[in-house]
Amino acid sequence: MIETADRIQKTVRSNDLVFRLGGDEFIIIIKDIRAKADAKIVANNILQGFAIQMMIQGNALEVSLSMGIALSPDDSRISKEIIKFADLAMYKAKRDKQASYQFFEPSLQTAMPNKRPIK
């Protein structure tokens, strides 16, 4: 997980925040995103950061990413909701397999019930 966190950190700006949520899930808070197009650029930069295999104890590992994206204030202004919505979008990206990232859509609230309660 340290290598994963390092790679994520290298793909975002120094004032953006990267948190490990648990297991293999991370939250990235990117400031000053004004449009989906900006978020797509960031998501593609992160994907490029993982295009090269990781070397862990002499073993080459390929890592695939599934990202869920929720935007504030468009999707919500409440941080817990933003996290929940990004989580729903991530599960949609995982389910679609070919998608590396998915934006939150209100329809996901019924189509993709949350796997974990947000407290």
N, C-alpha and C. Protein backbone atom coordinates (compact mmCIF):
# COMPACT_ATOMS: atom_id res chain seq x y z
N MET A 1 0.80 -1.19 0.00
CA MET A 1 0.00 0.00 0.00
C MET A 1 0.85 1.27 0.00
N ILE A 2 2.06 1.17 0.52
CA ILE A 2 2.92 2.34 0.56
C ILE A 2 3.27 2.78 -0.86
N GLU A 3 3.62 1.83 -1.71
CA GLU A 3 3.95 2.15 -3.11
C GLU A 3 2.74 2.76 -3.82
N THR A 4 1.57 2.20 -3.55
CA THR A 4 0.34 2.74 -4.16
C THR A 4 0.11 4.18 -3.72
N ALA A 5 0.21 4.42 -2.44
CA ALA A 5 0.02 5.78 -1.91
C ALA A 5 1.06 6.73 -2.51
N ASP A 6 2.31 6.27 -2.61
CA ASP A 6 3.36 7.12 -3.18
C ASP A 6 3.05 7.48 -4.63
N ARG A 7 2.57 6.50 -5.39
CA ARG A 7 2.26 6.78 -6.80
C ARG A 7 1.10 7.76 -6.93
N ILE A 8 0.09 7.56 -6.10
CA ILE A 8 -1.04 8.50 -6.14
C ILE A 8 -0.54 9.90 -5.80
N GLN A 9 0.23 10.00 -4.73
CA GLN A 9 0.72 11.31 -4.28
C GLN A 9 1.53 12.00 -5.36
N LYS A 10 2.28 11.25 -6.15
CA LYS A 10 3.10 11.83 -7.21
C LYS A 10 2.27 12.34 -8.38
N THR A 11 1.03 11.87 -8.50
CA THR A 11 0.21 12.28 -9.65
C THR A 11 -0.68 13.48 -9.35
N VAL A 12 -0.76 13.87 -8.08
CA VAL A 12 -1.59 15.03 -7.71
C VAL A 12 -0.69 16.16 -7.24
N ARG A 13 -1.28 17.32 -7.06
CA ARG A 13 -0.51 18.47 -6.63
C ARG A 13 -0.18 18.37 -5.14
N SER A 14 0.81 19.10 -4.71
CA SER A 14 1.24 19.03 -3.31
C SER A 14 0.17 19.50 -2.33
N ASN A 15 -0.75 20.34 -2.77
CA ASN A 15 -1.80 20.81 -1.86
C ASN A 15 -3.07 19.95 -1.90
N ASP A 16 -3.09 18.90 -2.73
CA ASP A 16 -4.20 17.96 -2.75
C ASP A 16 -3.97 16.92 -1.66
N LEU A 17 -5.05 16.34 -1.17
CA LEU A 17 -4.96 15.42 -0.04
C LEU A 17 -5.23 13.98 -0.47
N VAL A 18 -4.40 13.06 0.03
CA VAL A 18 -4.57 11.63 -0.25
C VAL A 18 -4.68 10.91 1.09
N PHE A 19 -5.77 10.14 1.24
CA PHE A 19 -6.00 9.37 2.46
C PHE A 19 -6.24 7.92 2.10
N ARG A 20 -5.75 7.03 2.92
CA ARG A 20 -6.10 5.62 2.77
C ARG A 20 -7.36 5.37 3.58
N LEU A 21 -8.43 4.95 2.90
CA LEU A 21 -9.70 4.70 3.55
C LEU A 21 -9.66 3.38 4.29
N GLY A 22 -8.97 2.42 3.73
CA GLY A 22 -8.86 1.10 4.32
C GLY A 22 -8.61 0.10 3.20
N GLY A 23 -7.96 -0.99 3.55
CA GLY A 23 -7.67 -2.00 2.52
C GLY A 23 -6.93 -1.37 1.36
N ASP A 24 -7.52 -1.49 0.18
CA ASP A 24 -6.89 -0.95 -1.02
C ASP A 24 -7.65 0.26 -1.56
N GLU A 25 -8.36 0.96 -0.68
CA GLU A 25 -9.15 2.11 -1.10
C GLU A 25 -8.56 3.41 -0.54
N PHE A 26 -8.53 4.39 -1.43
CA PHE A 26 -7.98 5.69 -1.09
C PHE A 26 -8.99 6.77 -1.42
N ILE A 27 -8.92 7.86 -0.70
CA ILE A 27 -9.70 9.05 -1.00
C ILE A 27 -8.71 10.13 -1.40
N ILE A 28 -9.03 10.81 -2.49
CA ILE A 28 -8.20 11.92 -2.95
C ILE A 28 -9.09 13.16 -2.99
N ILE A 29 -8.70 14.17 -2.28
CA ILE A 29 -9.44 15.43 -2.29
C ILE A 29 -8.65 16.41 -3.15
N ILE A 30 -9.25 16.76 -4.25
CA ILE A 30 -8.62 17.67 -5.21
C ILE A 30 -9.36 19.00 -5.15
N LYS A 31 -8.63 20.04 -4.88
CA LYS A 31 -9.24 21.37 -4.79
C LYS A 31 -9.26 22.02 -6.16
N ASP A 32 -10.15 22.96 -6.31
CA ASP A 32 -10.24 23.79 -7.51
C ASP A 32 -10.60 23.02 -8.78
N ILE A 33 -11.42 21.99 -8.64
CA ILE A 33 -11.96 21.32 -9.82
C ILE A 33 -13.24 22.06 -10.18
N ARG A 34 -13.29 22.62 -11.36
CA ARG A 34 -14.44 23.43 -11.74
C ARG A 34 -15.40 22.71 -12.69
N ALA A 35 -14.93 21.63 -13.29
CA ALA A 35 -15.76 20.94 -14.28
C ALA A 35 -15.34 19.48 -14.38
N LYS A 36 -16.23 18.66 -14.92
CA LYS A 36 -15.91 17.25 -15.11
C LYS A 36 -14.66 17.08 -15.97
N ALA A 37 -14.45 17.98 -16.92
CA ALA A 37 -13.28 17.89 -17.78
C ALA A 37 -11.99 17.97 -16.96
N ASP A 38 -11.98 18.83 -15.94
CA ASP A 38 -10.81 18.95 -15.06
C ASP A 38 -10.60 17.65 -14.29
N ALA A 39 -11.69 17.07 -13.78
CA ALA A 39 -11.60 15.82 -13.03
C ALA A 39 -11.12 14.68 -13.92
N LYS A 40 -11.53 14.68 -15.18
CA LYS A 40 -11.06 13.66 -16.13
C LYS A 40 -9.55 13.75 -16.32
N ILE A 41 -9.04 14.96 -16.40
CA ILE A 41 -7.59 15.14 -16.55
C ILE A 41 -6.86 14.55 -15.35
N VAL A 42 -7.35 14.85 -14.15
CA VAL A 42 -6.73 14.31 -12.94
C VAL A 42 -6.81 12.79 -12.94
N ALA A 43 -7.99 12.23 -13.24
CA ALA A 43 -8.16 10.78 -13.25
C ALA A 43 -7.22 10.13 -14.26
N ASN A 44 -7.09 10.72 -15.43
CA ASN A 44 -6.18 10.15 -16.44
C ASN A 44 -4.73 10.25 -16.01
N ASN A 45 -4.36 11.33 -15.31
CA ASN A 45 -2.99 11.45 -14.77
C ASN A 45 -2.72 10.33 -13.76
N ILE A 46 -3.69 10.06 -12.92
CA ILE A 46 -3.53 8.98 -11.94
C ILE A 46 -3.37 7.64 -12.65
N LEU A 47 -4.21 7.40 -13.66
CA LEU A 47 -4.10 6.14 -14.42
C LEU A 47 -2.72 6.00 -15.08
N GLN A 48 -2.21 7.10 -15.63
CA GLN A 48 -0.88 7.06 -16.24
C GLN A 48 0.20 6.74 -15.22
N GLY A 49 0.01 7.20 -13.99
CA GLY A 49 0.97 6.92 -12.93
C GLY A 49 1.04 5.44 -12.58
N PHE A 50 0.01 4.69 -12.95
CA PHE A 50 -0.02 3.25 -12.66
C PHE A 50 0.17 2.41 -13.91
N ALA A 51 0.46 3.04 -15.04
CA ALA A 51 0.66 2.29 -16.28
C ALA A 51 1.94 1.46 -16.24
N ILE A 52 2.89 1.88 -15.43
CA ILE A 52 4.16 1.17 -15.30
C ILE A 52 4.05 0.19 -14.14
N GLN A 53 4.54 -1.03 -14.35
CA GLN A 53 4.49 -2.05 -13.30
C GLN A 53 5.20 -1.58 -12.03
N MET A 54 4.71 -2.06 -10.91
CA MET A 54 5.38 -1.82 -9.63
C MET A 54 6.34 -2.96 -9.37
N MET A 55 7.48 -2.63 -8.80
CA MET A 55 8.42 -3.67 -8.37
C MET A 55 8.37 -3.74 -6.85
N ILE A 56 7.88 -4.84 -6.33
CA ILE A 56 7.77 -5.06 -4.89
C ILE A 56 8.58 -6.30 -4.55
N GLN A 57 9.64 -6.11 -3.79
CA GLN A 57 10.53 -7.19 -3.40
C GLN A 57 10.95 -8.05 -4.60
N GLY A 58 11.31 -7.37 -5.68
CA GLY A 58 11.79 -8.05 -6.87
C GLY A 58 10.71 -8.64 -7.75
N ASN A 59 9.45 -8.45 -7.40
CA ASN A 59 8.35 -8.97 -8.20
C ASN A 59 7.65 -7.83 -8.93
N ALA A 60 7.39 -8.05 -10.21
CA ALA A 60 6.67 -7.05 -11.01
C ALA A 60 5.17 -7.25 -10.81
N LEU A 61 4.49 -6.20 -10.44
CA LEU A 61 3.05 -6.25 -10.22
C LEU A 61 2.36 -5.22 -11.10
N GLU A 62 1.27 -5.65 -11.72
CA GLU A 62 0.43 -4.71 -12.46
C GLU A 62 -0.77 -4.38 -11.58
N VAL A 63 -1.07 -3.11 -11.47
CA VAL A 63 -2.16 -2.66 -10.63
C VAL A 63 -3.23 -2.04 -11.53
N SER A 64 -4.47 -2.47 -11.31
CA SER A 64 -5.57 -1.84 -12.03
C SER A 64 -6.34 -0.97 -11.05
N LEU A 65 -6.87 0.11 -11.56
CA LEU A 65 -7.58 1.07 -10.70
C LEU A 65 -9.03 1.18 -11.12
N SER A 66 -9.88 1.35 -10.14
CA SER A 66 -11.28 1.71 -10.34
C SER A 66 -11.52 2.93 -9.48
N MET A 67 -11.91 4.03 -10.12
CA MET A 67 -12.09 5.27 -9.40
C MET A 67 -13.53 5.75 -9.50
N GLY A 68 -14.03 6.24 -8.39
CA GLY A 68 -15.33 6.89 -8.37
C GLY A 68 -15.12 8.36 -8.12
N ILE A 69 -15.82 9.19 -8.86
CA ILE A 69 -15.63 10.64 -8.76
C ILE A 69 -16.96 11.31 -8.42
N ALA A 70 -16.94 12.11 -7.37
CA ALA A 70 -18.07 12.96 -7.01
C ALA A 70 -17.55 14.38 -6.85
N LEU A 71 -18.31 15.32 -7.32
CA LEU A 71 -17.87 16.71 -7.33
C LEU A 71 -18.72 17.56 -6.39
N SER A 72 -18.06 18.47 -5.71
CA SER A 72 -18.76 19.43 -4.87
C SER A 72 -18.59 20.81 -5.51
N PRO A 73 -19.61 21.58 -5.63
CA PRO A 73 -20.94 21.44 -5.02
C PRO A 73 -21.96 20.74 -5.91
N ASP A 74 -21.59 20.32 -7.12
CA ASP A 74 -22.56 19.76 -8.05
C ASP A 74 -23.32 18.56 -7.47
N ASP A 75 -22.60 17.61 -6.88
CA ASP A 75 -23.23 16.41 -6.35
C ASP A 75 -23.72 16.60 -4.92
N SER A 76 -22.98 17.35 -4.13
CA SER A 76 -23.36 17.65 -2.75
C SER A 76 -22.34 18.62 -2.17
N ARG A 77 -22.72 19.27 -1.11
CA ARG A 77 -21.79 20.11 -0.35
C ARG A 77 -21.42 19.44 0.97
N ILE A 78 -22.02 18.28 1.23
CA ILE A 78 -21.81 17.57 2.49
C ILE A 78 -20.73 16.51 2.28
N SER A 79 -19.65 16.59 3.06
CA SER A 79 -18.50 15.71 2.84
C SER A 79 -18.86 14.23 2.91
N LYS A 80 -19.70 13.83 3.87
CA LYS A 80 -20.08 12.41 3.97
C LYS A 80 -20.83 11.95 2.73
N GLU A 81 -21.65 12.81 2.17
CA GLU A 81 -22.37 12.45 0.95
C GLU A 81 -21.41 12.34 -0.23
N ILE A 82 -20.47 13.26 -0.32
CA ILE A 82 -19.49 13.21 -1.41
C ILE A 82 -18.74 11.88 -1.37
N ILE A 83 -18.31 11.46 -0.18
CA ILE A 83 -17.60 10.19 -0.04
C ILE A 83 -18.51 9.03 -0.44
N LYS A 84 -19.74 9.04 0.03
CA LYS A 84 -20.70 7.99 -0.32
C LYS A 84 -20.93 7.95 -1.83
N PHE A 85 -21.11 9.10 -2.44
CA PHE A 85 -21.37 9.16 -3.87
C PHE A 85 -20.16 8.69 -4.69
N ALA A 86 -18.97 9.07 -4.26
CA ALA A 86 -17.76 8.60 -4.94
C ALA A 86 -17.63 7.08 -4.80
N ASP A 87 -18.00 6.56 -3.64
CA ASP A 87 -17.96 5.12 -3.39
C ASP A 87 -18.92 4.39 -4.33
N LEU A 88 -20.14 4.90 -4.48
CA LEU A 88 -21.10 4.31 -5.39
C LEU A 88 -20.57 4.31 -6.83
N ALA A 89 -19.97 5.42 -7.22
CA ALA A 89 -19.41 5.52 -8.57
C ALA A 89 -18.25 4.54 -8.75
N MET A 90 -17.44 4.35 -7.70
CA MET A 90 -16.33 3.41 -7.79
C MET A 90 -16.84 1.99 -8.02
N TYR A 91 -17.88 1.60 -7.29
CA TYR A 91 -18.45 0.26 -7.49
C TYR A 91 -18.99 0.09 -8.90
N LYS A 92 -19.55 1.14 -9.46
CA LYS A 92 -20.02 1.08 -10.85
C LYS A 92 -18.84 0.90 -11.79
N ALA A 93 -17.75 1.61 -11.54
CA ALA A 93 -16.54 1.45 -12.37
C ALA A 93 -16.01 0.03 -12.26
N LYS A 94 -16.01 -0.53 -11.06
CA LYS A 94 -15.55 -1.91 -10.88
C LYS A 94 -16.45 -2.89 -11.64
N ARG A 95 -17.75 -2.67 -11.56
CA ARG A 95 -18.70 -3.56 -12.22
C ARG A 95 -18.55 -3.51 -13.74
N ASP A 96 -18.34 -2.32 -14.27
CA ASP A 96 -18.22 -2.15 -15.72
C ASP A 96 -16.90 -2.69 -16.28
N LYS A 97 -15.95 -2.93 -15.44
CA LYS A 97 -14.63 -3.49 -15.74
C LYS A 97 -13.82 -2.67 -16.74
N GLN A 98 -14.39 -2.31 -17.89
CA GLN A 98 -13.59 -1.55 -18.85
C GLN A 98 -13.44 -0.10 -18.41
N ALA A 99 -14.29 0.33 -17.50
CA ALA A 99 -14.20 1.72 -17.02
C ALA A 99 -13.13 1.80 -15.94
N SER A 100 -12.29 2.77 -16.03
CA SER A 100 -11.28 3.00 -15.01
C SER A 100 -11.76 4.01 -13.99
N TYR A 101 -12.70 4.85 -14.43
CA TYR A 101 -13.31 5.79 -13.50
C TYR A 101 -14.75 6.03 -13.92
N GLN A 102 -15.54 6.42 -12.95
CA GLN A 102 -16.95 6.67 -13.18
C GLN A 102 -17.36 7.89 -12.37
N PHE A 103 -18.10 8.78 -12.98
CA PHE A 103 -18.64 9.92 -12.26
C PHE A 103 -19.94 9.51 -11.57
N PHE A 104 -20.19 10.11 -10.41
CA PHE A 104 -21.44 9.87 -9.71
C PHE A 104 -22.60 10.39 -10.55
N GLU A 105 -23.66 9.61 -10.59
CA GLU A 105 -24.93 10.00 -11.19
C GLU A 105 -26.01 9.68 -10.17
N PRO A 106 -27.01 10.52 -10.01
CA PRO A 106 -28.05 10.25 -9.02
C PRO A 106 -28.69 8.87 -9.15
N SER A 107 -28.77 8.34 -10.35
CA SER A 107 -29.37 7.01 -10.55
C SER A 107 -28.59 5.91 -9.83
N LEU A 108 -27.34 6.15 -9.51
CA LEU A 108 -26.53 5.14 -8.82
C LEU A 108 -27.03 4.88 -7.40
N GLN A 109 -27.76 5.82 -6.83
CA GLN A 109 -28.25 5.64 -5.47
C GLN A 109 -29.22 4.47 -5.37
N THR A 110 -29.93 4.18 -6.44
CA THR A 110 -30.84 3.04 -6.43
C THR A 110 -30.25 1.85 -7.18
N ALA A 111 -29.46 2.12 -8.20
CA ALA A 111 -28.89 1.05 -9.01
C ALA A 111 -27.72 0.36 -8.32
N MET A 112 -26.96 1.11 -7.51
CA MET A 112 -25.77 0.58 -6.86
C MET A 112 -25.85 0.87 -5.36
N PRO A 113 -26.66 0.13 -4.61
CA PRO A 113 -26.75 0.43 -3.18
C PRO A 113 -25.37 0.36 -2.53
N ASN A 114 -25.13 1.25 -1.61
CA ASN A 114 -23.82 1.35 -0.96
C ASN A 114 -23.47 0.05 -0.26
N LYS A 115 -22.24 -0.37 -0.40
CA LYS A 115 -21.77 -1.61 0.23
C LYS A 115 -21.47 -1.42 1.71
N ARG A 116 -21.14 -0.20 2.10
CA ARG A 116 -20.80 0.11 3.49
C ARG A 116 -21.58 1.32 3.93
N PRO A 117 -22.09 1.32 5.14
CA PRO A 117 -22.74 2.54 5.61
C PRO A 117 -21.70 3.63 5.88
N ILE A 118 -22.01 4.83 5.53
CA ILE A 118 -21.16 5.98 5.85
C ILE A 118 -21.65 6.54 7.17
N LYS A 119 -20.77 6.59 8.15
CA LYS A 119 -21.17 7.07 9.49
C LYS A 119 -20.87 8.53 9.66
